[in-house]
PDB file of N, CA and C in Angstrom:
ATOM      1  N   MET A   1     -23.289 -14.967  16.708  1.00  0.00           N
ATOM      2  CA  MET A   1     -23.630 -13.580  16.498  1.00  0.00           C
ATOM      3  C   MET A   1     -24.984 -13.519  15.799  1.00  0.00           C
ATOM      4  N   THR A   2     -25.901 -12.760  16.362  1.00  0.00           N
ATOM      5  CA  THR A   2     -27.211 -12.599  15.750  1.00  0.00           C
ATOM      6  C   THR A   2     -27.301 -11.225  15.118  1.00  0.00           C
ATOM      7  N   SER A   3     -28.107 -11.123  14.106  1.00  0.00           N
ATOM      8  CA  SER A   3     -28.286  -9.859  13.398  1.00  0.00           C
ATOM      9  C   SER A   3     -29.748  -9.458  13.509  1.00  0.00           C
ATOM     10  N   ASP A   4     -29.980  -8.283  13.992  1.00  0.00           N
ATOM     11  CA  ASP A   4     -31.331  -7.758  14.107  1.00  0.00           C
ATOM     12  C   ASP A   4     -31.418  -6.529  13.217  1.00  0.00           C
ATOM     13  N   VAL A   5     -32.309  -6.574  12.225  1.00  0.00           N
ATOM     14  CA  VAL A   5     -32.414  -5.467  11.280  1.00  0.00           C
ATOM     15  C   VAL A   5     -32.869  -4.180  11.942  1.00  0.00           C
ATOM     16  N   PHE A   6     -33.332  -4.249  13.176  1.00  0.00           N
ATOM     17  CA  PHE A   6     -33.827  -3.058  13.848  1.00  0.00           C
ATOM     18  C   PHE A   6     -32.799  -2.426  14.776  1.00  0.00           C
ATOM     19  N   THR A   7     -31.630  -3.037  14.901  1.00  0.00           N
ATOM     20  CA  THR A   7     -30.561  -2.395  15.663  1.00  0.00           C
ATOM     21  C   THR A   7     -29.977  -1.275  14.816  1.00  0.00           C
ATOM     22  N   PRO A   8     -29.285  -0.323  15.434  1.00  0.00           N
ATOM     23  CA  PRO A   8     -28.646   0.731  14.622  1.00  0.00           C
ATOM     24  C   PRO A   8     -27.734   0.159  13.535  1.00  0.00           C
ATOM     25  N   THR A   9     -26.959  -0.871  13.883  1.00  0.00           N
ATOM     26  CA  THR A   9     -26.081  -1.475  12.882  1.00  0.00           C
ATOM     27  C   THR A   9     -26.893  -2.160  11.794  1.00  0.00           C
ATOM     28  N   GLY A  10     -27.957  -2.863  12.167  1.00  0.00           N
ATOM     29  CA  GLY A  10     -28.808  -3.528  11.186  1.00  0.00           C
ATOM     30  C   GLY A  10     -29.425  -2.558  10.202  1.00  0.00           C
ATOM     31  N   VAL A  11     -29.867  -1.414  10.690  1.00  0.00           N
ATOM     32  CA  VAL A  11     -30.443  -0.392   9.811  1.00  0.00           C
ATOM     33  C   VAL A  11     -29.409   0.069   8.787  1.00  0.00           C
ATOM     34  N   VAL A  12     -28.191   0.369   9.258  1.00  0.00           N
ATOM     35  CA  VAL A  12     -27.135   0.840   8.355  1.00  0.00           C
ATOM     36  C   VAL A  12     -26.766  -0.250   7.360  1.00  0.00           C
ATOM     37  N   LEU A  13     -26.629  -1.488   7.824  1.00  0.00           N
ATOM     38  CA  LEU A  13     -26.272  -2.577   6.915  1.00  0.00           C
ATOM     39  C   LEU A  13     -27.353  -2.807   5.867  1.00  0.00           C
ATOM     40  N   ASN A  14     -28.609  -2.611   6.239  1.00  0.00           N
ATOM     41  CA  ASN A  14     -29.689  -2.695   5.249  1.00  0.00           C
ATOM     42  C   ASN A  14     -29.573  -1.567   4.231  1.00  0.00           C
ATOM     43  N   ASN A  15     -29.202  -0.367   4.678  1.00  0.00           N
ATOM     44  CA  ASN A  15     -28.966   0.743   3.753  1.00  0.00           C
ATOM     45  C   ASN A  15     -27.830   0.414   2.791  1.00  0.00           C
ATOM     46  N   ILE A  16     -26.769  -0.190   3.330  1.00  0.00           N
ATOM     47  CA  ILE A  16     -25.625  -0.574   2.493  1.00  0.00           C
ATOM     48  C   ILE A  16     -26.047  -1.632   1.477  1.00  0.00           C
ATOM     49  N   ALA A  17     -26.810  -2.620   1.915  1.00  0.00           N
ATOM     50  CA  ALA A  17     -27.272  -3.669   0.997  1.00  0.00           C
ATOM     51  C   ALA A  17     -28.129  -3.062  -0.116  1.00  0.00           C
ATOM     52  N   ALA A  18     -28.976  -2.111   0.230  1.00  0.00           N
ATOM     53  CA  ALA A  18     -29.813  -1.465  -0.781  1.00  0.00           C
ATOM     54  C   ALA A  18     -28.946  -0.685  -1.778  1.00  0.00           C
ATOM     55  N   GLU A  19     -27.913  -0.037  -1.293  1.00  0.00           N
ATOM     56  CA  GLU A  19     -27.008   0.694  -2.178  1.00  0.00           C
ATOM     57  C   GLU A  19     -26.256  -0.268  -3.089  1.00  0.00           C
ATOM     58  N   ARG A  20     -25.802  -1.398  -2.540  1.00  0.00           N
ATOM     59  CA  ARG A  20     -25.118  -2.388  -3.374  1.00  0.00           C
ATOM     60  C   ARG A  20     -26.056  -2.914  -4.462  1.00  0.00           C
ATOM     61  N   PHE A  21     -27.313  -3.142  -4.122  1.00  0.00           N
ATOM     62  CA  PHE A  21     -28.288  -3.585  -5.111  1.00  0.00           C
ATOM     63  C   PHE A  21     -28.433  -2.534  -6.199  1.00  0.00           C
ATOM     64  N   ARG A  22     -28.516  -1.266  -5.796  1.00  0.00           N
ATOM     65  CA  ARG A  22     -28.632  -0.160  -6.755  1.00  0.00           C
ATOM     66  C   ARG A  22     -27.418  -0.127  -7.678  1.00  0.00           C
ATOM     67  N   GLN A  23     -26.222  -0.304  -7.109  1.00  0.00           N
ATOM     68  CA  GLN A  23     -25.001  -0.308  -7.913  1.00  0.00           C
ATOM     69  C   GLN A  23     -25.001  -1.458  -8.914  1.00  0.00           C
ATOM     70  N   ASP A  24     -25.409  -2.636  -8.464  1.00  0.00           N
ATOM     71  CA  ASP A  24     -25.465  -3.790  -9.370  1.00  0.00           C
ATOM     72  C   ASP A  24     -26.456  -3.553 -10.499  1.00  0.00           C
ATOM     73  N   GLU A  25     -27.583  -2.953 -10.175  1.00  0.00           N
ATOM     74  CA  GLU A  25     -28.580  -2.649 -11.198  1.00  0.00           C
ATOM     75  C   GLU A  25     -28.028  -1.639 -12.212  1.00  0.00           C
ATOM     76  N   LYS A  26     -27.309  -0.665 -11.744  1.00  0.00           N
ATOM     77  CA  LYS A  26     -26.788   0.395 -12.610  1.00  0.00           C
ATOM     78  C   LYS A  26     -25.583  -0.058 -13.429  1.00  0.00           C
ATOM     79  N   PHE A  27     -24.635  -0.753 -12.776  1.00  0.00           N
ATOM     80  CA  PHE A  27     -23.359  -1.059 -13.415  1.00  0.00           C
ATOM     81  C   PHE A  27     -23.182  -2.525 -13.796  1.00  0.00           C
ATOM     82  N   GLY A  28     -24.092  -3.379 -13.329  1.00  0.00           N
ATOM     83  CA  GLY A  28     -23.952  -4.811 -13.565  1.00  0.00           C
ATOM     84  C   GLY A  28     -23.249  -5.479 -12.396  1.00  0.00           C
ATOM     85  N   ARG A  29     -23.470  -6.757 -12.298  1.00  0.00           N
ATOM     86  CA  ARG A  29     -22.911  -7.542 -11.201  1.00  0.00           C
ATOM     87  C   ARG A  29     -21.549  -8.087 -11.609  1.00  0.00           C
ATOM     88  N   ASP A  30     -20.748  -8.445 -10.623  1.00  0.00           N
ATOM     89  CA  ASP A  30     -19.464  -9.099 -10.852  1.00  0.00           C
ATOM     90  C   ASP A  30     -18.487  -8.258 -11.673  1.00  0.00           C
ATOM     91  N   ARG A  31     -18.414  -6.986 -11.339  1.00  0.00           N
ATOM     92  CA  ARG A  31     -17.405  -6.147 -11.986  1.00  0.00           C
ATOM     93  C   ARG A  31     -16.062  -6.446 -11.348  1.00  0.00           C
ATOM     94  N   ASP A  32     -15.079  -6.717 -12.146  1.00  0.00           N
ATOM     95  CA  ASP A  32     -13.748  -7.037 -11.639  1.00  0.00           C
ATOM     96  C   ASP A  32     -12.750  -6.005 -12.133  1.00  0.00           C
ATOM     97  N   HIS A  33     -12.278  -5.191 -11.212  1.00  0.00           N
ATOM     98  CA  HIS A  33     -11.259  -4.185 -11.491  1.00  0.00           C
ATOM     99  C   HIS A  33      -9.994  -4.600 -10.754  1.00  0.00           C
ATOM    100  N   PRO A  34      -8.837  -4.137 -11.212  1.00  0.00           N
ATOM    101  CA  PRO A  34      -7.623  -4.399 -10.432  1.00  0.00           C
ATOM    102  C   PRO A  34      -7.698  -3.665  -9.094  1.00  0.00           C
ATOM    103  N   ASP A  35      -7.010  -4.193  -8.086  1.00  0.00           N
ATOM    104  CA  ASP A  35      -7.028  -3.554  -6.771  1.00  0.00           C
ATOM    105  C   ASP A  35      -6.351  -2.193  -6.804  1.00  0.00           C
ATOM    106  N   GLY A  36      -5.236  -2.083  -7.507  1.00  0.00           N
ATOM    107  CA  GLY A  36      -4.541  -0.800  -7.610  1.00  0.00           C
ATOM    108  C   GLY A  36      -3.876  -0.352  -6.329  1.00  0.00           C
ATOM    109  N   THR A  37      -3.598  -1.277  -5.429  1.00  0.00           N
ATOM    110  CA  THR A  37      -3.023  -0.921  -4.138  1.00  0.00           C
ATOM    111  C   THR A  37      -1.531  -1.197  -4.111  1.00  0.00           C
ATOM    112  N   GLY A  38      -0.895  -0.695  -3.086  1.00  0.00           N
ATOM    113  CA  GLY A  38       0.522  -0.941  -2.877  1.00  0.00           C
ATOM    114  C   GLY A  38       1.369   0.231  -3.311  1.00  0.00           C
ATOM    115  N   GLY A  39       2.636   0.126  -3.036  1.00  0.00           N
ATOM    116  CA  GLY A  39       3.585   1.167  -3.394  1.00  0.00           C
ATOM    117  C   GLY A  39       4.035   1.956  -2.183  1.00  0.00           C
ATOM    118  N   GLN A  40       5.254   2.446  -2.263  1.00  0.00           N
ATOM    119  CA  GLN A  40       5.855   3.156  -1.133  1.00  0.00           C
ATOM    120  C   GLN A  40       5.069   4.399  -0.733  1.00  0.00           C
ATOM    121  N   PHE A  41       4.526   5.119  -1.702  1.00  0.00           N
ATOM    122  CA  PHE A  41       3.743   6.321  -1.383  1.00  0.00           C
ATOM    123  C   PHE A  41       2.612   5.976  -0.430  1.00  0.00           C
ATOM    124  N   TYR A  42       1.894   4.903  -0.712  1.00  0.00           N
ATOM    125  CA  TYR A  42       0.754   4.529   0.123  1.00  0.00           C
ATOM    126  C   TYR A  42       1.170   3.927   1.455  1.00  0.00           C
ATOM    127  N   VAL A  43       2.296   3.243   1.486  1.00  0.00           N
ATOM    128  CA  VAL A  43       2.839   2.757   2.755  1.00  0.00           C
ATOM    129  C   VAL A  43       3.171   3.954   3.649  1.00  0.00           C
ATOM    130  N   ASP A  44       3.812   4.965   3.064  1.00  0.00           N
ATOM    131  CA  ASP A  44       4.140   6.180   3.825  1.00  0.00           C
ATOM    132  C   ASP A  44       2.867   6.917   4.254  1.00  0.00           C
ATOM    133  N   LEU A  45       1.882   6.969   3.363  1.00  0.00           N
ATOM    134  CA  LEU A  45       0.613   7.619   3.699  1.00  0.00           C
ATOM    135  C   LEU A  45      -0.071   6.909   4.863  1.00  0.00           C
ATOM    136  N   ALA A  46      -0.031   5.589   4.869  1.00  0.00           N
ATOM    137  CA  ALA A  46      -0.639   4.830   5.965  1.00  0.00           C
ATOM    138  C   ALA A  46       0.060   5.134   7.284  1.00  0.00           C
ATOM    139  N   ARG A  47       1.382   5.192   7.258  1.00  0.00           N
ATOM    140  CA  ARG A  47       2.127   5.527   8.484  1.00  0.00           C
ATOM    141  C   ARG A  47       1.787   6.927   8.964  1.00  0.00           C
ATOM    142  N   LEU A  48       1.749   7.883   8.046  1.00  0.00           N
ATOM    143  CA  LEU A  48       1.418   9.265   8.406  1.00  0.00           C
ATOM    144  C   LEU A  48       0.004   9.355   8.965  1.00  0.00           C
ATOM    145  N   SER A  49      -0.927   8.644   8.340  1.00  0.00           N
ATOM    146  CA  SER A  49      -2.315   8.654   8.814  1.00  0.00           C
ATOM    147  C   SER A  49      -2.423   8.065  10.212  1.00  0.00           C
ATOM    148  N   LYS A  50      -1.676   7.003  10.479  1.00  0.00           N
ATOM    149  CA  LYS A  50      -1.667   6.383  11.811  1.00  0.00           C
ATOM    150  C   LYS A  50      -1.129   7.365  12.843  1.00  0.00           C
ATOM    151  N   ARG A  51      -0.023   8.045  12.513  1.00  0.00           N
ATOM    152  CA  ARG A  51       0.534   9.046  13.443  1.00  0.00           C
ATOM    153  C   ARG A  51      -0.453  10.173  13.698  1.00  0.00           C
ATOM    154  N   ASN A  52      -1.145  10.618  12.638  1.00  0.00           N
ATOM    155  CA  ASN A  52      -2.135  11.686  12.782  1.00  0.00           C
ATOM    156  C   ASN A  52      -3.283  11.251  13.684  1.00  0.00           C
ATOM    157  N   THR A  53      -3.763  10.029  13.486  1.00  0.00           N
ATOM    158  CA  THR A  53      -4.859   9.506  14.306  1.00  0.00           C
ATOM    159  C   THR A  53      -4.428   9.387  15.765  1.00  0.00           C
ATOM    160  N   ASP A  54      -3.236   8.863  15.993  1.00  0.00           N
ATOM    161  CA  ASP A  54      -2.725   8.733  17.364  1.00  0.00           C
ATOM    162  C   ASP A  54      -2.570  10.101  18.023  1.00  0.00           C
ATOM    163  N   ALA A  55      -2.060  11.080  17.276  1.00  0.00           N
ATOM    164  CA  ALA A  55      -1.868  12.428  17.825  1.00  0.00           C
ATOM    165  C   ALA A  55      -3.210  13.083  18.139  1.00  0.00           C
ATOM    166  N   ALA A  56      -4.184  12.938  17.235  1.00  0.00           N
ATOM    167  CA  ALA A  56      -5.507  13.511  17.481  1.00  0.00           C
ATOM    168  C   ALA A  56      -6.163  12.853  18.685  1.00  0.00           C
ATOM    169  N   ASP A  57      -5.990  11.543  18.823  1.00  0.00           N
ATOM    170  CA  ASP A  57      -6.541  10.825  19.970  1.00  0.00           C
ATOM    171  C   ASP A  57      -5.898  11.317  21.262  1.00  0.00           C
ATOM    172  N   ALA A  58      -4.581  11.449  21.252  1.00  0.00           N
ATOM    173  CA  ALA A  58      -3.863  11.917  22.452  1.00  0.00           C
ATOM    174  C   ALA A  58      -4.261  13.336  22.818  1.00  0.00           C
ATOM    175  N   ALA A  59      -4.574  14.153  21.816  1.00  0.00           N
ATOM    176  CA  ALA A  59      -4.959  15.548  22.054  1.00  0.00           C
ATOM    177  C   ALA A  59      -6.440  15.693  22.385  1.00  0.00           C
ATOM    178  N   GLY A  60      -7.180  14.588  22.324  1.00  0.00           N
ATOM    179  CA  GLY A  60      -8.608  14.632  22.646  1.00  0.00           C
ATOM    180  C   GLY A  60      -9.464  15.208  21.532  1.00  0.00           C
ATOM    181  N   CYS A  61      -8.964  15.181  20.292  1.00  0.00           N
ATOM    182  CA  CYS A  61      -9.747  15.747  19.189  1.00  0.00           C
ATOM    183  C   CYS A  61      -9.872  14.773  18.020  1.00  0.00           C
ATOM    184  N   LEU A  62      -9.920  13.483  18.328  1.00  0.00           N
ATOM    185  CA  LEU A  62     -10.041  12.457  17.306  1.00  0.00           C
ATOM    186  C   LEU A  62     -11.396  12.580  16.617  1.00  0.00           C
ATOM    187  N   SER A  63     -11.396  12.512  15.296  1.00  0.00           N
ATOM    188  CA  SER A  63     -12.644  12.613  14.536  1.00  0.00           C
ATOM    189  C   SER A  63     -12.860  11.339  13.716  1.00  0.00           C
ATOM    190  N   TRP A  64     -14.089  11.172  13.273  1.00  0.00           N
ATOM    191  CA  TRP A  64     -14.390  10.057  12.382  1.00  0.00           C
ATOM    192  C   TRP A  64     -13.548  10.150  11.117  1.00  0.00           C
ATOM    193  N   LYS A  65     -13.331  11.376  10.629  1.00  0.00           N
ATOM    194  CA  LYS A  65     -12.512  11.573   9.432  1.00  0.00           C
ATOM    195  C   LYS A  65     -11.115  11.024   9.642  1.00  0.00           C
ATOM    196  N   ASP A  66     -10.537  11.281  10.819  1.00  0.00           N
ATOM    197  CA  ASP A  66      -9.197  10.772  11.120  1.00  0.00           C
ATOM    198  C   ASP A  66      -9.165   9.246  11.074  1.00  0.00           C
ATOM    199  N   ILE A  67     -10.150   8.635  11.713  1.00  0.00           N
ATOM    200  CA  ILE A  67     -10.196   7.179  11.802  1.00  0.00           C
ATOM    201  C   ILE A  67     -10.384   6.558  10.419  1.00  0.00           C
ATOM    202  N   LEU A  68     -11.345   7.086   9.661  1.00  0.00           N
ATOM    203  CA  LEU A  68     -11.601   6.524   8.333  1.00  0.00           C
ATOM    204  C   LEU A  68     -10.420   6.759   7.397  1.00  0.00           C
ATOM    205  N   THR A  69      -9.794   7.927   7.491  1.00  0.00           N
ATOM    206  CA  THR A  69      -8.625   8.205   6.652  1.00  0.00           C
ATOM    207  C   THR A  69      -7.516   7.201   6.921  1.00  0.00           C
ATOM    208  N   GLU A  70      -7.278   6.903   8.196  1.00  0.00           N
ATOM    209  CA  GLU A  70      -6.256   5.907   8.536  1.00  0.00           C
ATOM    210  C   GLU A  70      -6.594   4.556   7.931  1.00  0.00           C
ATOM    211  N   GLU A  71      -7.841   4.131   8.077  1.00  0.00           N
ATOM    212  CA  GLU A  71      -8.235   2.817   7.560  1.00  0.00           C
ATOM    213  C   GLU A  71      -8.141   2.760   6.037  1.00  0.00           C
ATOM    214  N   VAL A  72      -8.559   3.806   5.362  1.00  0.00           N
ATOM    215  CA  VAL A  72      -8.482   3.833   3.900  1.00  0.00           C
ATOM    216  C   VAL A  72      -7.025   3.839   3.448  1.00  0.00           C
ATOM    217  N   ALA A  73      -6.180   4.594   4.136  1.00  0.00           N
ATOM    218  CA  ALA A  73      -4.755   4.619   3.789  1.00  0.00           C
ATOM    219  C   ALA A  73      -4.147   3.227   3.940  1.00  0.00           C
ATOM    220  N   GLU A  74      -4.575   2.492   4.968  1.00  0.00           N
ATOM    221  CA  GLU A  74      -4.071   1.130   5.149  1.00  0.00           C
ATOM    222  C   GLU A  74      -4.526   0.219   4.004  1.00  0.00           C
ATOM    223  N   VAL A  75      -5.740   0.434   3.501  1.00  0.00           N
ATOM    224  CA  VAL A  75      -6.209  -0.315   2.328  1.00  0.00           C
ATOM    225  C   VAL A  75      -5.302  -0.017   1.140  1.00  0.00           C
ATOM    226  N   TYR A  76      -5.039   1.249   0.893  1.00  0.00           N
ATOM    227  CA  TYR A  76      -4.229   1.639  -0.263  1.00  0.00           C
ATOM    228  C   TYR A  76      -2.826   1.041  -0.204  1.00  0.00           C
ATOM    229  N   ALA A  77      -2.299   0.851   0.997  1.00  0.00           N
ATOM    230  CA  ALA A  77      -0.936   0.345   1.155  1.00  0.00           C
ATOM    231  C   ALA A  77      -0.842  -1.173   1.002  1.00  0.00           C
ATOM    232  N   GLU A  78      -1.941  -1.880   1.217  1.00  0.00           N
ATOM    233  CA  GLU A  78      -1.898  -3.346   1.307  1.00  0.00           C
ATOM    234  C   GLU A  78      -1.982  -4.015  -0.065  1.00  0.00           C
ATOM    235  N   THR A  79      -1.167  -5.028  -0.271  1.00  0.00           N
ATOM    236  CA  THR A  79      -1.216  -5.792  -1.522  1.00  0.00           C
ATOM    237  C   THR A  79      -1.550  -7.270  -1.296  1.00  0.00           C
ATOM    238  N   GLU A  80      -1.360  -7.768  -0.090  1.00  0.00           N
ATOM    239  CA  GLU A  80      -1.665  -9.165   0.210  1.00  0.00           C
ATOM    240  C   GLU A  80      -3.185  -9.321   0.332  1.00  0.00           C
ATOM    241  N   LEU A  81      -3.771 -10.211  -0.461  1.00  0.00           N
ATOM    242  CA  LEU A  81      -5.233 -10.290  -0.573  1.00  0.00           C
ATOM    243  C   LEU A  81      -5.952 -10.494   0.751  1.00  0.00           C
ATOM    244  N   ALA A  82      -5.493 -11.407   1.580  1.00  0.00           N
ATOM    245  CA  ALA A  82      -6.173 -11.656   2.858  1.00  0.00           C
ATOM    246  C   ALA A  82      -6.121 -10.415   3.741  1.00  0.00           C
ATOM    247  N   LYS A  83      -4.976  -9.762   3.779  1.00  0.00           N
ATOM    248  CA  LYS A  83      -4.847  -8.541   4.586  1.00  0.00           C
ATOM    249  C   LYS A  83      -5.647  -7.394   3.973  1.00  0.00           C
ATOM    250  N   LEU A  84      -5.672  -7.301   2.643  1.00  0.00           N
ATOM    251  CA  LEU A  84      -6.467  -6.274   1.972  1.00  0.00           C
ATOM    252  C   LEU A  84      -7.938  -6.448   2.304  1.00  0.00           C
ATOM    253  N   ARG A  85      -8.406  -7.676   2.272  1.00  0.00           N
ATOM    254  CA  ARG A  85      -9.805  -7.947   2.619  1.00  0.00           C
ATOM    255  C   ARG A  85     -10.103  -7.518   4.050  1.00  0.00           C
ATOM    256  N   THR A  86      -9.207  -7.857   4.968  1.00  0.00           N
ATOM    257  CA  THR A  86      -9.382  -7.460   6.371  1.00  0.00           C
ATOM    258  C   THR A  86      -9.457  -5.938   6.494  1.00  0.00           C
ATOM    259  N   GLU A  87      -8.567  -5.255   5.806  1.00  0.00           N
ATOM    260  CA  GLU A  87      -8.561  -3.786   5.861  1.00  0.00           C
ATOM    261  C   GLU A  87      -9.845  -3.199   5.272  1.00  0.00           C
ATOM    262  N   LEU A  88     -10.336  -3.787   4.188  1.00  0.00           N
ATOM    263  CA  LEU A  88     -11.583  -3.295   3.600  1.00  0.00           C
ATOM    264  C   LEU A  88     -12.766  -3.504   4.537  1.00  0.00           C
ATOM    265  N   VAL A  89     -12.785  -4.632   5.237  1.00  0.00           N
ATOM    266  CA  VAL A  89     -13.839  -4.860   6.230  1.00  0.00           C
ATOM    267  C   VAL A  89     -13.749  -3.806   7.331  1.00  0.00           C
ATOM    268  N   GLN A  90     -12.532  -3.458   7.736  1.00  0.00           N
ATOM    269  CA  GLN A  90     -12.364  -2.416   8.750  1.00  0.00           C
ATOM    270  C   GLN A  90     -12.866  -1.071   8.250  1.00  0.00           C
ATOM    271  N   VAL A  91     -12.634  -0.755   6.973  1.00  0.00           N
ATOM    272  CA  VAL A  91     -13.169   0.482   6.395  1.00  0.00           C
ATOM    273  C   VAL A  91     -14.691   0.465   6.454  1.00  0.00           C
ATOM    274  N   ALA A  92     -15.280  -0.653   6.049  1.00  0.00           N
ATOM    275  CA  ALA A  92     -16.737  -0.765   6.075  1.00  0.00           C
ATOM    276  C   ALA A  92     -17.283  -0.631   7.499  1.00  0.00           C
ATOM    277  N   ALA A  93     -16.585  -1.222   8.466  1.00  0.00           N
ATOM    278  CA  ALA A  93     -17.030  -1.145   9.866  1.00  0.00           C
ATOM    279  C   ALA A  93     -16.944   0.279  10.394  1.00  0.00           C
ATOM    280  N   VAL A  94     -15.866   0.970  10.084  1.00  0.00           N
ATOM    281  CA  VAL A  94     -15.726   2.365  10.544  1.00  0.00           C
ATOM    282  C   VAL A  94     -16.785   3.235   9.873  1.00  0.00           C
ATOM    283  N   ALA A  95     -16.985   3.051   8.575  1.00  0.00           N
ATOM    284  CA  ALA A  95     -18.007   3.844   7.888  1.00  0.00           C
ATOM    285  C   ALA A  95     -19.389   3.570   8.479  1.00  0.00           C
ATOM    286  N   THR A  96     -19.667   2.309   8.805  1.00  0.00           N
ATOM    287  CA  THR A  96     -20.936   1.956   9.431  1.00  0.00           C
ATOM    288  C   THR A  96     -21.085   2.634  10.787  1.00  0.00           C
ATOM    289  N   ALA A  97     -20.035   2.595  11.588  1.00  0.00           N
ATOM    290  CA  ALA A  97     -20.069   3.247  12.903  1.00  0.00           C
ATOM    291  C   ALA A  97     -20.289   4.748  12.769  1.00  0.00           C
ATOM    292  N   TRP A  98     -19.676   5.351  11.761  1.00  0.00           N
ATOM    293  CA  TRP A  98     -19.834   6.792  11.537  1.00  0.00           C
ATOM    294  C   TRP A  98     -21.286   7.113  11.182  1.00  0.00           C
ATOM    295  N   VAL A  99     -21.886   6.312  10.293  1.00  0.00           N
ATOM    296  CA  VAL A  99     -23.292   6.519   9.939  1.00  0.00           C
ATOM    297  C   VAL A  99     -24.172   6.362  11.176  1.00  0.00           C
ATOM    298  N   GLU A 100     -23.879   5.366  12.003  1.00  0.00           N
ATOM    299  CA  GLU A 100     -24.638   5.188  13.253  1.00  0.00           C
ATOM    300  C   GLU A 100     -24.524   6.428  14.130  1.00  0.00           C
ATOM    301  N   ALA A 101     -23.337   7.010  14.210  1.00  0.00           N
ATOM    302  CA  ALA A 101     -23.137   8.224  15.010  1.00  0.00           C
ATOM    303  C   ALA A 101     -23.946   9.387  14.458  1.00  0.00           C
ATOM    304  N   ILE A 102     -23.991   9.504  13.122  1.00  0.00           N
ATOM    305  CA  ILE A 102     -24.825  10.560  12.511  1.00  0.00           C
ATOM    306  C   ILE A 102     -26.281  10.331  12.852  1.00  0.00           C
ATOM    307  N   ASP A 103     -26.732   9.082  12.747  1.00  0.00           N
ATOM    308  CA  ASP A 103     -28.133   8.776  13.077  1.00  0.00           C
ATOM    309  C   ASP A 103     -28.460   9.122  14.521  1.00  0.00           C
ATOM    310  N   ARG A 104     -27.514   8.839  15.451  1.00  0.00           N
ATOM    311  CA  ARG A 104     -27.748   9.197  16.861  1.00  0.00           C
ATOM    312  C   ARG A 104     -27.878  10.713  17.023  1.00  0.00           C
ATOM    313  N   ARG A 105     -27.034  11.455  16.343  1.00  0.00           N
ATOM    314  CA  ARG A 105     -27.119  12.931  16.422  1.00  0.00           C
ATOM    315  C   ARG A 105     -28.436  13.419  15.867  1.00  0.00           C
ATOM    316  N   GLU A 106     -28.896  12.833  14.790  1.00  0.00           N
ATOM    317  CA  GLU A 106     -30.175  13.261  14.194  1.00  0.00           C
ATOM    318  C   GLU A 106     -31.332  12.966  15.117  1.00  0.00           C
ATOM    319  N   ARG A 107     -31.257  11.891  15.898  1.00  0.00           N
ATOM    320  CA  ARG A 107     -32.328  11.541  16.831  1.00  0.00           C
ATOM    321  C   ARG A 107     -32.322  12.424  18.065  1.00  0.00           C
ATOM    322  N   SER A 108     -31.173  13.008  18.365  1.00  0.00           N
ATOM    323  CA  SER A 108     -31.065  13.840  19.587  1.00  0.00           C
ATOM    324  C   SER A 108     -31.723  15.196  19.414  1.00  0.00           C
TER     325      SER A 108
END
């Protein structure tokens, strides 16, 4: 896999890297907070979010908000570290895709 900073994804990832640098400068590096995930409420929320996303998709009205909400709900429900990491990467990927979609609209 090659990365080109001039692709739409490369531009967004550079924006994300710049924001992470800004956060590190402001708050310090290597901040360690508890994950705070898990629990039946969040498991139920993840299921509800999945049903909502599937229903919106079937109805032809799926939005970025629906997709990101589902992914974030799955993060909140997960307690296993490897799976939590995977879910967080999915959140980042969906957020990146959403920013790319906004950029395409702005160019149109």
